PDB file of N, CA and C in Angstrom:
ATOM      1  N   MET A   1      -6.913  89.218 192.547  1.00  0.00           N
ATOM      2  CA  MET A   1      -5.456  89.004 192.011  1.00  0.00           C
ATOM      3  C   MET A   1      -5.905  88.144 190.826  1.00  0.00           C
ATOM      4  N   SER A   2      -5.189  88.475 189.394  1.00  0.00           N
ATOM      5  CA  SER A   2      -5.335  87.842 188.349  1.00  0.00           C
ATOM      6  C   SER A   2      -3.797  87.325 187.881  1.00  0.00           C
ATOM      7  N   ILE A   3      -3.964  86.226 187.586  1.00  0.00           N
ATOM      8  CA  ILE A   3      -2.528  85.540 187.108  1.00  0.00           C
ATOM      9  C   ILE A   3      -2.550  85.225 185.767  1.00  0.00           C
ATOM     10  N   ALA A   4      -1.690  85.748 184.807  1.00  0.00           N
ATOM     11  CA  ALA A   4      -1.751  85.450 183.402  1.00  0.00           C
ATOM     12  C   ALA A   4      -1.162  84.131 183.215  1.00  0.00           C
ATOM     13  N   ALA A   5      -1.698  83.449 182.266  1.00  0.00           N
ATOM     14  CA  ALA A   5      -1.291  82.080 181.660  1.00  0.00           C
ATOM     15  C   ALA A   5       0.172  82.289 181.077  1.00  0.00           C
ATOM     16  N   ILE A   6       0.971  81.272 181.160  1.00  0.00           N
ATOM     17  CA  ILE A   6       2.410  81.302 180.489  1.00  0.00           C
ATOM     18  C   ILE A   6       2.176  80.915 178.988  1.00  0.00           C
ATOM     19  N   SER A   7       2.710  81.567 178.180  1.00  0.00           N
ATOM     20  CA  SER A   7       2.553  81.204 176.717  1.00  0.00           C
ATOM     21  C   SER A   7       3.611  80.426 176.257  1.00  0.00           C
ATOM     22  N   PRO A   8       3.705  79.423 175.454  1.00  0.00           N
ATOM     23  CA  PRO A   8       4.736  78.605 175.146  1.00  0.00           C
ATOM     24  C   PRO A   8       5.812  79.454 174.454  1.00  0.00           C
ATOM     25  N   THR A   9       5.768  80.672 173.959  1.00  0.00           N
ATOM     26  CA  THR A   9       6.842  81.515 173.395  1.00  0.00           C
ATOM     27  C   THR A   9       7.784  82.034 174.616  1.00  0.00           C
ATOM     28  N   ALA A  10       7.079  82.090 175.798  1.00  0.00           N
ATOM     29  CA  ALA A  10       7.730  82.799 176.916  1.00  0.00           C
ATOM     30  C   ALA A  10       8.639  81.794 177.629  1.00  0.00           C
ATOM     31  N   VAL A  11       8.387  80.466 177.355  1.00  0.00           N
ATOM     32  CA  VAL A  11       9.383  79.511 178.159  1.00  0.00           C
ATOM     33  C   VAL A  11      10.930  79.576 177.633  1.00  0.00           C
ATOM     34  N   SER A  12      11.757  79.759 178.604  1.00  0.00           N
ATOM     35  CA  SER A  12      13.095  79.564 178.243  1.00  0.00           C
ATOM     36  C   SER A  12      13.680  78.331 177.994  1.00  0.00           C
ATOM     37  N   PRO A  13      14.881  78.078 176.907  1.00  0.00           N
ATOM     38  CA  PRO A  13      15.466  76.723 176.797  1.00  0.00           C
ATOM     39  C   PRO A  13      15.691  76.174 178.011  1.00  0.00           C
ATOM     40  N   ALA A  14      15.701  74.877 178.012  1.00  0.00           N
ATOM     41  CA  ALA A  14      15.747  73.945 179.128  1.00  0.00           C
ATOM     42  C   ALA A  14      17.479  73.960 179.561  1.00  0.00           C
ATOM     43  N   THR A  15      18.222  74.158 178.586  1.00  0.00           N
ATOM     44  CA  THR A  15      19.838  74.311 179.023  1.00  0.00           C
ATOM     45  C   THR A  15      20.071  75.620 179.454  1.00  0.00           C
ATOM     46  N   PRO A  16      20.877  75.629 180.559  1.00  0.00           N
ATOM     47  CA  PRO A  16      21.474  77.055 180.854  1.00  0.00           C
ATOM     48  C   PRO A  16      22.313  77.576 179.697  1.00  0.00           C
ATOM     49  N   PRO A  17      22.419  79.014 179.820  1.00  0.00           N
ATOM     50  CA  PRO A  17      23.280  79.406 178.711  1.00  0.00           C
ATOM     51  C   PRO A  17      24.839  78.861 178.944  1.00  0.00           C
ATOM     52  N   HIS A  18      25.316  78.682 180.124  1.00  0.00           N
ATOM     53  CA  HIS A  18      26.569  78.352 180.076  1.00  0.00           C
ATOM     54  C   HIS A  18      26.879  76.974 179.471  1.00  0.00           C
ATOM     55  N   VAL A  19      25.837  75.975 179.371  1.00  0.00           N
ATOM     56  CA  VAL A  19      26.185  74.761 179.025  1.00  0.00           C
ATOM     57  C   VAL A  19      26.127  74.531 177.445  1.00  0.00           C
ATOM     58  N   VAL A  20      27.066  73.816 176.992  1.00  0.00           N
ATOM     59  CA  VAL A  20      27.081  73.884 175.472  1.00  0.00           C
ATOM     60  C   VAL A  20      26.588  72.473 175.081  1.00  0.00           C
ATOM     61  N   ALA A  21      25.693  72.559 174.086  1.00  0.00           N
ATOM     62  CA  ALA A  21      25.067  70.985 173.822  1.00  0.00           C
ATOM     63  C   ALA A  21      26.210  70.444 172.945  1.00  0.00           C
ATOM     64  N   ALA A  22      26.229  69.133 172.844  1.00  0.00           N
ATOM     65  CA  ALA A  22      27.083  68.234 172.170  1.00  0.00           C
ATOM     66  C   ALA A  22      26.480  68.382 170.432  1.00  0.00           C
ATOM     67  N   PRO A  23      27.399  68.542 169.617  1.00  0.00           N
ATOM     68  CA  PRO A  23      26.855  68.593 168.202  1.00  0.00           C
ATOM     69  C   PRO A  23      26.491  67.258 167.657  1.00  0.00           C
ATOM     70  N   PRO A  24      25.498  67.075 166.871  1.00  0.00           N
ATOM     71  CA  PRO A  24      24.832  65.867 166.588  1.00  0.00           C
ATOM     72  C   PRO A  24      25.960  65.030 165.804  1.00  0.00           C
ATOM     73  N   GLN A  25      25.858  63.648 166.131  1.00  0.00           N
ATOM     74  CA  GLN A  25      26.578  62.870 165.308  1.00  0.00           C
ATOM     75  C   GLN A  25      26.280  62.704 163.848  1.00  0.00           C
ATOM     76  N   SER A  26      27.072  62.885 163.012  1.00  0.00           N
ATOM     77  CA  SER A  26      26.753  62.632 161.548  1.00  0.00           C
ATOM     78  C   SER A  26      26.602  61.160 161.124  1.00  0.00           C
ATOM     79  N   LYS A  27      27.160  60.298 161.906  1.00  0.00           N
ATOM     80  CA  LYS A  27      27.298  58.909 161.347  1.00  0.00           C
ATOM     81  C   LYS A  27      27.034  58.030 162.760  1.00  0.00           C
ATOM     82  N   PRO A  28      26.475  57.030 162.630  1.00  0.00           N
ATOM     83  CA  PRO A  28      26.277  56.070 163.776  1.00  0.00           C
ATOM     84  C   PRO A  28      27.730  55.589 164.166  1.00  0.00           C
ATOM     85  N   ALA A  29      27.785  55.252 165.616  1.00  0.00           N
ATOM     86  CA  ALA A  29      28.893  54.765 166.058  1.00  0.00           C
ATOM     87  C   ALA A  29      29.147  53.060 165.592  1.00  0.00           C
ATOM     88  N   ASP A  30      30.294  52.744 165.432  1.00  0.00           N
ATOM     89  CA  ASP A  30      30.383  51.402 164.899  1.00  0.00           C
ATOM     90  C   ASP A  30      29.961  50.350 166.046  1.00  0.00           C
ATOM     91  N   SER A  31      29.675  49.330 165.619  1.00  0.00           N
ATOM     92  CA  SER A  31      29.318  48.254 166.435  1.00  0.00           C
ATOM     93  C   SER A  31      30.432  47.580 167.142  1.00  0.00           C
ATOM     94  N   PHE A  32      30.413  46.980 168.373  1.00  0.00           N
ATOM     95  CA  PHE A  32      31.447  46.262 168.841  1.00  0.00           C
ATOM     96  C   PHE A  32      32.213  45.268 168.031  1.00  0.00           C
ATOM     97  N   ALA A  33      31.461  44.469 167.362  1.00  0.00           N
ATOM     98  CA  ALA A  33      31.904  43.458 166.369  1.00  0.00           C
ATOM     99  C   ALA A  33      32.626  44.242 165.290  1.00  0.00           C
ATOM    100  N   LYS A  34      32.284  45.204 164.757  1.00  0.00           N
ATOM    101  CA  LYS A  34      32.941  45.983 163.759  1.00  0.00           C
ATOM    102  C   LYS A  34      34.315  46.539 164.052  1.00  0.00           C
ATOM    103  N   THR A  35      34.289  46.993 165.341  1.00  0.00           N
ATOM    104  CA  THR A  35      35.486  47.596 166.007  1.00  0.00           C
ATOM    105  C   THR A  35      36.691  46.416 166.197  1.00  0.00           C
ATOM    106  N   ILE A  36      36.119  45.281 166.838  1.00  0.00           N
ATOM    107  CA  ILE A  36      37.045  44.013 166.918  1.00  0.00           C
ATOM    108  C   ILE A  36      37.320  43.540 165.482  1.00  0.00           C
ATOM    109  N   ALA A  37      36.648  43.432 164.613  1.00  0.00           N
ATOM    110  CA  ALA A  37      37.072  43.089 163.267  1.00  0.00           C
ATOM    111  C   ALA A  37      38.078  43.952 162.513  1.00  0.00           C
ATOM    112  N   ASN A  38      38.004  45.196 162.934  1.00  0.00           N
ATOM    113  CA  ASN A  38      38.832  46.401 162.382  1.00  0.00           C
ATOM    114  C   ASN A  38      40.374  46.163 163.107  1.00  0.00           C
ATOM    115  N   VAL A  39      40.210  45.834 164.336  1.00  0.00           N
ATOM    116  CA  VAL A  39      41.530  45.790 165.254  1.00  0.00           C
ATOM    117  C   VAL A  39      42.153  44.304 164.568  1.00  0.00           C
ATOM    118  N   ILE A  40      41.388  43.283 164.434  1.00  0.00           N
ATOM    119  CA  ILE A  40      42.121  42.066 163.956  1.00  0.00           C
ATOM    120  C   ILE A  40      42.754  42.241 162.487  1.00  0.00           C
ATOM    121  N   ARG A  41      41.999  43.008 161.873  1.00  0.00           N
ATOM    122  CA  ARG A  41      42.520  43.338 160.347  1.00  0.00           C
ATOM    123  C   ARG A  41      43.664  44.006 160.493  1.00  0.00           C
ATOM    124  N   ASP A  42      43.827  45.134 161.410  1.00  0.00           N
ATOM    125  CA  ASP A  42      45.018  45.791 161.488  1.00  0.00           C
ATOM    126  C   ASP A  42      46.145  45.096 162.182  1.00  0.00           C
ATOM    127  N   VAL A  43      45.988  44.216 163.149  1.00  0.00           N
ATOM    128  CA  VAL A  43      47.011  43.404 163.618  1.00  0.00           C
ATOM    129  C   VAL A  43      47.656  42.279 162.423  1.00  0.00           C
ATOM    130  N   ASN A  44      46.517  41.782 161.565  1.00  0.00           N
ATOM    131  CA  ASN A  44      46.914  41.033 160.602  1.00  0.00           C
ATOM    132  C   ASN A  44      47.769  41.648 159.493  1.00  0.00           C
ATOM    133  N   LEU A  45      47.521  42.881 159.226  1.00  0.00           N
ATOM    134  CA  LEU A  45      48.238  43.745 158.468  1.00  0.00           C
ATOM    135  C   LEU A  45      49.770  43.993 158.925  1.00  0.00           C
ATOM    136  N   ASP A  46      49.884  44.295 160.265  1.00  0.00           N
ATOM    137  CA  ASP A  46      51.077  44.449 160.962  1.00  0.00           C
ATOM    138  C   ASP A  46      51.847  43.125 160.839  1.00  0.00           C
ATOM    139  N   GLN A  47      51.217  41.937 160.932  1.00  0.00           N
ATOM    140  CA  GLN A  47      52.031  40.791 160.943  1.00  0.00           C
ATOM    141  C   GLN A  47      52.436  40.522 159.223  1.00  0.00           C
ATOM    142  N   GLN A  48      51.701  41.007 158.296  1.00  0.00           N
ATOM    143  CA  GLN A  48      51.996  40.762 156.892  1.00  0.00           C
ATOM    144  C   GLN A  48      53.234  41.590 156.663  1.00  0.00           C
ATOM    145  N   GLN A  49      53.198  42.833 157.097  1.00  0.00           N
ATOM    146  CA  GLN A  49      54.211  43.650 156.868  1.00  0.00           C
ATOM    147  C   GLN A  49      55.486  43.344 157.473  1.00  0.00           C
ATOM    148  N   ALA A  50      55.432  42.667 158.812  1.00  0.00           N
ATOM    149  CA  ALA A  50      56.784  42.195 159.229  1.00  0.00           C
ATOM    150  C   ALA A  50      57.187  41.058 158.572  1.00  0.00           C
ATOM    151  N   ASP A  51      56.326  40.125 158.121  1.00  0.00           N
ATOM    152  CA  ASP A  51      56.642  38.891 157.256  1.00  0.00           C
ATOM    153  C   ASP A  51      57.399  39.282 155.924  1.00  0.00           C
ATOM    154  N   THR A  52      56.822  40.444 155.328  1.00  0.00           N
ATOM    155  CA  THR A  52      57.380  40.857 154.076  1.00  0.00           C
ATOM    156  C   THR A  52      58.732  41.609 154.382  1.00  0.00           C
ATOM    157  N   ALA A  53      58.859  42.408 155.404  1.00  0.00           N
ATOM    158  CA  ALA A  53      60.239  43.025 155.648  1.00  0.00           C
ATOM    159  C   ALA A  53      61.280  41.807 156.025  1.00  0.00           C
ATOM    160  N   LEU A  54      60.979  40.864 156.765  1.00  0.00           N
ATOM    161  CA  LEU A  54      61.785  39.684 157.021  1.00  0.00           C
ATOM    162  C   LEU A  54      62.134  39.013 155.488  1.00  0.00           C
ATOM    163  N   GLN A  55      61.283  38.792 154.856  1.00  0.00           N
ATOM    164  CA  GLN A  55      61.512  38.150 153.427  1.00  0.00           C
ATOM    165  C   GLN A  55      62.497  38.975 152.582  1.00  0.00           C
ATOM    166  N   ASP A  56      62.266  40.248 152.702  1.00  0.00           N
ATOM    167  CA  ASP A  56      63.166  41.350 151.920  1.00  0.00           C
ATOM    168  C   ASP A  56      64.458  41.304 152.407  1.00  0.00           C
ATOM    169  N   LEU A  57      64.665  41.192 153.803  1.00  0.00           N
ATOM    170  CA  LEU A  57      65.977  41.198 154.401  1.00  0.00           C
ATOM    171  C   LEU A  57      66.702  40.021 154.035  1.00  0.00           C
ATOM    172  N   ALA A  58      66.007  38.821 154.091  1.00  0.00           N
ATOM    173  CA  ALA A  58      66.567  37.640 153.853  1.00  0.00           C
ATOM    174  C   ALA A  58      67.131  37.423 152.229  1.00  0.00           C
ATOM    175  N   THR A  59      66.146  37.991 151.360  1.00  0.00           N
ATOM    176  CA  THR A  59      66.653  37.742 149.963  1.00  0.00           C
ATOM    177  C   THR A  59      67.449  39.009 149.403  1.00  0.00           C
ATOM    178  N   GLY A  60      67.677  39.994 150.340  1.00  0.00           N
ATOM    179  CA  GLY A  60      68.710  41.039 150.022  1.00  0.00           C
ATOM    180  C   GLY A  60      68.153  42.274 149.457  1.00  0.00           C
ATOM    181  N   LYS A  61      66.785  42.184 149.279  1.00  0.00           N
ATOM    182  CA  LYS A  61      66.031  43.298 148.498  1.00  0.00           C
ATOM    183  C   LYS A  61      66.362  44.647 149.583  1.00  0.00           C
ATOM    184  N   ILE A  62      66.370  44.493 150.699  1.00  0.00           N
ATOM    185  CA  ILE A  62      66.775  45.674 151.634  1.00  0.00           C
ATOM    186  C   ILE A  62      67.791  45.328 152.508  1.00  0.00           C
ATOM    187  N   ASP A  63      68.644  46.294 153.129  1.00  0.00           N
ATOM    188  CA  ASP A  63      69.708  45.817 153.837  1.00  0.00           C
ATOM    189  C   ASP A  63      69.481  46.741 155.450  1.00  0.00           C
ATOM    190  N   ASN A  64      68.383  47.179 155.600  1.00  0.00           N
ATOM    191  CA  ASN A  64      68.194  48.175 156.757  1.00  0.00           C
ATOM    192  C   ASN A  64      67.687  47.240 157.920  1.00  0.00           C
ATOM    193  N   VAL A  65      68.383  46.834 158.670  1.00  0.00           N
ATOM    194  CA  VAL A  65      67.847  45.828 159.768  1.00  0.00           C
ATOM    195  C   VAL A  65      66.994  46.506 160.721  1.00  0.00           C
ATOM    196  N   HIS A  66      67.270  47.689 160.863  1.00  0.00           N
ATOM    197  CA  HIS A  66      66.668  48.545 161.891  1.00  0.00           C
ATOM    198  C   HIS A  66      65.083  48.721 161.565  1.00  0.00           C
ATOM    199  N   ASP A  67      64.723  48.934 160.326  1.00  0.00           N
ATOM    200  CA  ASP A  67      63.449  48.798 159.843  1.00  0.00           C
ATOM    201  C   ASP A  67      62.644  47.422 160.114  1.00  0.00           C
ATOM    202  N   VAL A  68      63.392  46.495 159.764  1.00  0.00           N
ATOM    203  CA  VAL A  68      62.912  45.111 159.963  1.00  0.00           C
ATOM    204  C   VAL A  68      62.594  44.781 161.394  1.00  0.00           C
ATOM    205  N   VAL A  69      63.563  45.165 162.334  1.00  0.00           N
ATOM    206  CA  VAL A  69      63.275  45.073 163.827  1.00  0.00           C
ATOM    207  C   VAL A  69      62.142  45.791 164.208  1.00  0.00           C
ATOM    208  N   LEU A  70      61.931  46.941 163.695  1.00  0.00           N
ATOM    209  CA  LEU A  70      60.824  48.124 164.015  1.00  0.00           C
ATOM    210  C   LEU A  70      59.421  47.029 163.616  1.00  0.00           C
ATOM    211  N   ALA A  71      59.471  46.756 162.336  1.00  0.00           N
ATOM    212  CA  ALA A  71      58.343  46.231 161.821  1.00  0.00           C
ATOM    213  C   ALA A  71      57.974  44.816 162.776  1.00  0.00           C
ATOM    214  N   VAL A  72      58.915  44.020 162.935  1.00  0.00           N
ATOM    215  CA  VAL A  72      58.575  42.810 163.730  1.00  0.00           C
ATOM    216  C   VAL A  72      58.207  43.128 165.277  1.00  0.00           C
ATOM    217  N   ALA A  73      58.871  44.245 165.869  1.00  0.00           N
ATOM    218  CA  ALA A  73      58.302  44.695 167.004  1.00  0.00           C
ATOM    219  C   ALA A  73      57.134  45.183 167.055  1.00  0.00           C
ATOM    220  N   LYS A  74      56.738  46.030 166.180  1.00  0.00           N
ATOM    221  CA  LYS A  74      55.283  46.482 166.093  1.00  0.00           C
ATOM    222  C   LYS A  74      54.204  45.407 166.069  1.00  0.00           C
ATOM    223  N   ALA A  75      54.515  44.455 165.037  1.00  0.00           N
ATOM    224  CA  ALA A  75      53.663  43.134 164.958  1.00  0.00           C
ATOM    225  C   ALA A  75      53.510  42.567 166.251  1.00  0.00           C
ATOM    226  N   ASP A  76      54.686  42.140 166.899  1.00  0.00           N
ATOM    227  CA  ASP A  76      54.689  41.538 168.141  1.00  0.00           C
ATOM    228  C   ASP A  76      53.867  42.292 169.318  1.00  0.00           C
ATOM    229  N   LEU A  77      54.036  43.718 169.338  1.00  0.00           N
ATOM    230  CA  LEU A  77      53.299  44.187 170.415  1.00  0.00           C
ATOM    231  C   LEU A  77      51.848  44.308 170.044  1.00  0.00           C
ATOM    232  N   SER A  78      51.361  44.688 168.611  1.00  0.00           N
ATOM    233  CA  SER A  78      49.947  44.451 168.352  1.00  0.00           C
ATOM    234  C   SER A  78      49.360  43.208 168.433  1.00  0.00           C
ATOM    235  N   PHE A  79      49.986  42.127 168.280  1.00  0.00           N
ATOM    236  CA  PHE A  79      49.335  40.753 168.518  1.00  0.00           C
ATOM    237  C   PHE A  79      49.249  40.642 170.176  1.00  0.00           C
ATOM    238  N   ARG A  80      50.428  41.020 170.870  1.00  0.00           N
ATOM    239  CA  ARG A  80      50.186  40.724 172.448  1.00  0.00           C
ATOM    240  C   ARG A  80      49.073  41.598 172.893  1.00  0.00           C
ATOM    241  N   PHE A  81      48.848  42.956 172.166  1.00  0.00           N
ATOM    242  CA  PHE A  81      47.756  43.483 172.667  1.00  0.00           C
ATOM    243  C   PHE A  81      46.183  42.747 172.400  1.00  0.00           C
ATOM    244  N   LEU A  82      46.374  42.220 171.075  1.00  0.00           N
ATOM    245  CA  LEU A  82      44.913  41.567 170.757  1.00  0.00           C
ATOM    246  C   LEU A  82      44.737  40.397 171.584  1.00  0.00           C
ATOM    247  N   LEU A  83      46.034  39.542 172.177  1.00  0.00           N
ATOM    248  CA  LEU A  83      45.727  38.533 173.062  1.00  0.00           C
ATOM    249  C   LEU A  83      45.107  39.110 174.221  1.00  0.00           C
ATOM    250  N   GLU A  84      45.593  40.078 174.886  1.00  0.00           N
ATOM    251  CA  GLU A  84      45.186  40.398 176.169  1.00  0.00           C
ATOM    252  C   GLU A  84      43.740  40.990 176.038  1.00  0.00           C
ATOM    253  N   VAL A  85      43.393  41.694 174.924  1.00  0.00           N
ATOM    254  CA  VAL A  85      42.047  42.002 174.976  1.00  0.00           C
ATOM    255  C   VAL A  85      41.093  40.734 174.757  1.00  0.00           C
ATOM    256  N   ARG A  86      41.487  39.700 174.092  1.00  0.00           N
ATOM    257  CA  ARG A  86      40.880  38.248 174.124  1.00  0.00           C
ATOM    258  C   ARG A  86      40.696  37.751 175.453  1.00  0.00           C
ATOM    259  N   ASN A  87      41.921  37.921 176.192  1.00  0.00           N
ATOM    260  CA  ASN A  87      41.766  37.256 177.590  1.00  0.00           C
ATOM    261  C   ASN A  87      40.818  37.901 178.522  1.00  0.00           C
ATOM    262  N   ARG A  88      40.996  39.369 178.239  1.00  0.00           N
ATOM    263  CA  ARG A  88      40.002  39.980 179.082  1.00  0.00           C
ATOM    264  C   ARG A  88      38.587  39.909 178.763  1.00  0.00           C
ATOM    265  N   LEU A  89      38.270  39.744 177.539  1.00  0.00           N
ATOM    266  CA  LEU A  89      36.833  39.378 177.061  1.00  0.00           C
ATOM    267  C   LEU A  89      36.392  38.252 177.618  1.00  0.00           C
ATOM    268  N   THR A  90      37.262  37.184 177.504  1.00  0.00           N
ATOM    269  CA  THR A  90      37.041  35.806 177.943  1.00  0.00           C
ATOM    270  C   THR A  90      36.765  35.800 179.484  1.00  0.00           C
ATOM    271  N   GLU A  91      37.487  36.601 180.294  1.00  0.00           N
ATOM    272  CA  GLU A  91      37.362  36.570 181.717  1.00  0.00           C
ATOM    273  C   GLU A  91      36.073  37.266 181.972  1.00  0.00           C
ATOM    274  N   ALA A  92      35.756  38.366 181.149  1.00  0.00           N
ATOM    275  CA  ALA A  92      34.405  38.973 181.347  1.00  0.00           C
ATOM    276  C   ALA A  92      33.277  38.114 181.042  1.00  0.00           C
ATOM    277  N   TYR A  93      33.298  37.333 179.972  1.00  0.00           N
ATOM    278  CA  TYR A  93      32.236  36.312 179.725  1.00  0.00           C
ATOM    279  C   TYR A  93      32.022  35.125 180.794  1.00  0.00           C
ATOM    280  N   GLN A  94      33.259  34.916 181.183  1.00  0.00           N
ATOM    281  CA  GLN A  94      33.149  33.773 182.207  1.00  0.00           C
ATOM    282  C   GLN A  94      32.456  34.180 183.558  1.00  0.00           C
ATOM    283  N   GLU A  95      32.796  35.363 183.726  1.00  0.00           N
ATOM    284  CA  GLU A  95      32.265  36.343 184.935  1.00  0.00           C
ATOM    285  C   GLU A  95      30.819  36.244 184.914  1.00  0.00           C
ATOM    286  N   LEU A  96      30.434  36.969 183.724  1.00  0.00           N
ATOM    287  CA  LEU A  96      28.937  36.988 183.707  1.00  0.00           C
ATOM    288  C   LEU A  96      28.346  35.580 183.605  1.00  0.00           C
ATOM    289  N   SER A  97      28.723  34.543 183.064  1.00  0.00           N
ATOM    290  CA  SER A  97      28.213  33.268 183.080  1.00  0.00           C
ATOM    291  C   SER A  97      28.100  32.758 184.461  1.00  0.00           C
ATOM    292  N   ARG A  98      28.873  33.164 185.263  1.00  0.00           N
ATOM    293  CA  ARG A  98      28.863  32.563 186.788  1.00  0.00           C
ATOM    294  C   ARG A  98      27.683  33.423 187.418  1.00  0.00           C
ATOM    295  N   MET A  99      27.266  34.455 187.076  1.00  0.00           N
ATOM    296  CA  MET A  99      26.349  35.398 187.997  1.00  0.00           C
ATOM    297  C   MET A  99      25.009  34.485 187.791  1.00  0.00           C
ATOM    298  N   GLN A 100      24.365  34.685 188.942  1.00  0.00           N
ATOM    299  CA  GLN A 100      23.032  34.156 188.927  1.00  0.00           C
ATOM    300  C   GLN A 100      21.865  35.073 188.942  1.00  0.00           C
ATOM    301  N   PHE A 101      21.089  35.088 188.071  1.00  0.00           N
ATOM    302  CA  PHE A 101      19.963  35.942 188.064  1.00  0.00           C
ATOM    303  C   PHE A 101      18.699  35.644 188.939  1.00  0.00           C
TER     304      PHE A 101
END
């Protein structure tokens, strides 16, 4: 009984036909430091917009209190979110520093 060798062209692909491969990423993912820097920049921008809205309301440039309250609430919420992220990162760092290797 003779067994023929398997040629490289006769090998089927490793992925089954029902599995769709993920498309290749065109750009590398941002680093964690860049992501945090972007979040801080966005929170700072929200704070500046709220300050500007308050100044405009106080000087009479705008009279729509609703928009000012929304800007201040958005700035407050984004700042609280940033503080919570900072607290969680600090807790994670402290937990890792307590680990014994």
